[in-house]
Each structure stands twice: as C-alpha cells, then as structure tokens.
Amino acid sequence: AAAYSGVYLHGLAGDIAKDSLGERSIVAHDLIDQLPAAIRTVEGV
C-alpha cells in the first residue's frame, strides 16, 4: 500500500508542477517542492 501511495503522490506532484510551471520547464526538484501540496490534496485540506 505504501508503494501505491508513493507512486500516486509522485504523479500528483507532477501534475501540480505541470499546472503551475508548464510541462516543458519541470525538473525533478520541482516535484519535491510540490509534494506538500499533493499531500494536502489527498488529505482534503
């Protein structure tokens, strides 16, 4: 279950980064920066 959650959060962080930065300018660090927003989204906060 933890692996599925991690994969989902990674993908969601990527989607959030894409929406805010644009698809062509995303680097790996941008996903790390978006993880808190992804977690808040999943928690419904």
C-alpha atoms as a PDB file:
ATOM      1  CA  ALA A   1       0.000   0.000   0.000  1.00  0.00           C
ATOM      2  CA  ALA A   2       2.870   2.394   0.755  1.00  0.00           C
ATOM      3  CA  ALA A   3       4.354   1.943  -2.714  1.00  0.00           C
ATOM      4  CA  TYR A   4       0.998   2.685  -4.367  1.00  0.00           C
ATOM      5  CA  SER A   5       0.606   5.806  -2.239  1.00  0.00           C
ATOM      6  CA  GLY A   6       4.101   6.971  -3.132  1.00  0.00           C
ATOM      7  CA  VAL A   7       3.513   6.482  -6.834  1.00  0.00           C
ATOM      8  CA  TYR A   8       0.199   8.328  -6.643  1.00  0.00           C
ATOM      9  CA  LEU A   9       1.704  11.261  -4.715  1.00  0.00           C
ATOM     10  CA  HIS A  10       4.615  11.447  -7.168  1.00  0.00           C
ATOM     11  CA  GLY A  11       2.226  11.620 -10.110  1.00  0.00           C
ATOM     12  CA  LEU A  12       0.004  14.169  -8.401  1.00  0.00           C
ATOM     13  CA  ALA A  13       3.018  16.337  -7.549  1.00  0.00           C
ATOM     14  CA  GLY A  14       3.999  16.160 -11.217  1.00  0.00           C
ATOM     15  CA  ASP A  15       0.531  17.251 -12.298  1.00  0.00           C
ATOM     16  CA  ILE A  16       0.585  20.166  -9.859  1.00  0.00           C
ATOM     17  CA  ALA A  17       4.050  21.213 -11.051  1.00  0.00           C
ATOM     18  CA  LYS A  18       2.934  20.997 -14.677  1.00  0.00           C
ATOM     19  CA  ASP A  19      -0.088  23.174 -13.997  1.00  0.00           C
ATOM     20  CA  SER A  20       1.941  25.839 -12.220  1.00  0.00           C
ATOM     21  CA  LEU A  21       5.231  25.772 -14.173  1.00  0.00           C
ATOM     22  CA  GLY A  22       4.384  24.400 -17.579  1.00  0.00           C
ATOM     23  CA  GLU A  23       5.140  20.986 -18.992  1.00  0.00           C
ATOM     24  CA  ARG A  24       8.446  21.873 -20.659  1.00  0.00           C
ATOM     25  CA  SER A  25      10.148  23.523 -17.708  1.00  0.00           C
ATOM     26  CA  ILE A  26       9.742  20.907 -14.955  1.00  0.00           C
ATOM     27  CA  VAL A  27      12.831  19.423 -13.321  1.00  0.00           C
ATOM     28  CA  ALA A  28      12.988  16.764 -10.602  1.00  0.00           C
ATOM     29  CA  HIS A  29      13.379  19.314  -7.818  1.00  0.00           C
ATOM     30  CA  ASP A  30      10.033  20.851  -8.787  1.00  0.00           C
ATOM     31  CA  LEU A  31       8.288  17.601  -7.864  1.00  0.00           C
ATOM     32  CA  ILE A  32       9.846  17.665  -4.413  1.00  0.00           C
ATOM     33  CA  ASP A  33       8.622  21.234  -3.952  1.00  0.00           C
ATOM     34  CA  GLN A  34       5.069  20.170  -4.851  1.00  0.00           C
ATOM     35  CA  LEU A  35       4.838  17.157  -2.522  1.00  0.00           C
ATOM     36  CA  PRO A  36       3.300  19.155   0.363  1.00  0.00           C
ATOM     37  CA  ALA A  37       0.556  20.413  -1.967  1.00  0.00           C
ATOM     38  CA  ALA A  38      -0.059  16.872  -3.213  1.00  0.00           C
ATOM     39  CA  ILE A  39      -0.340  15.570   0.348  1.00  0.00           C
ATOM     40  CA  ARG A  40      -2.761  18.372   1.275  1.00  0.00           C
ATOM     41  CA  THR A  41      -4.862  17.487  -1.775  1.00  0.00           C
ATOM     42  CA  VAL A  42      -5.054  13.833  -0.764  1.00  0.00           C
ATOM     43  CA  GLU A  43      -5.876  14.755   2.830  1.00  0.00           C
ATOM     44  CA  GLY A  44      -8.623  17.063   1.603  1.00  0.00           C
ATOM     45  CA  VAL A  45      -7.180  20.116   3.320  1.00  0.00           C
END
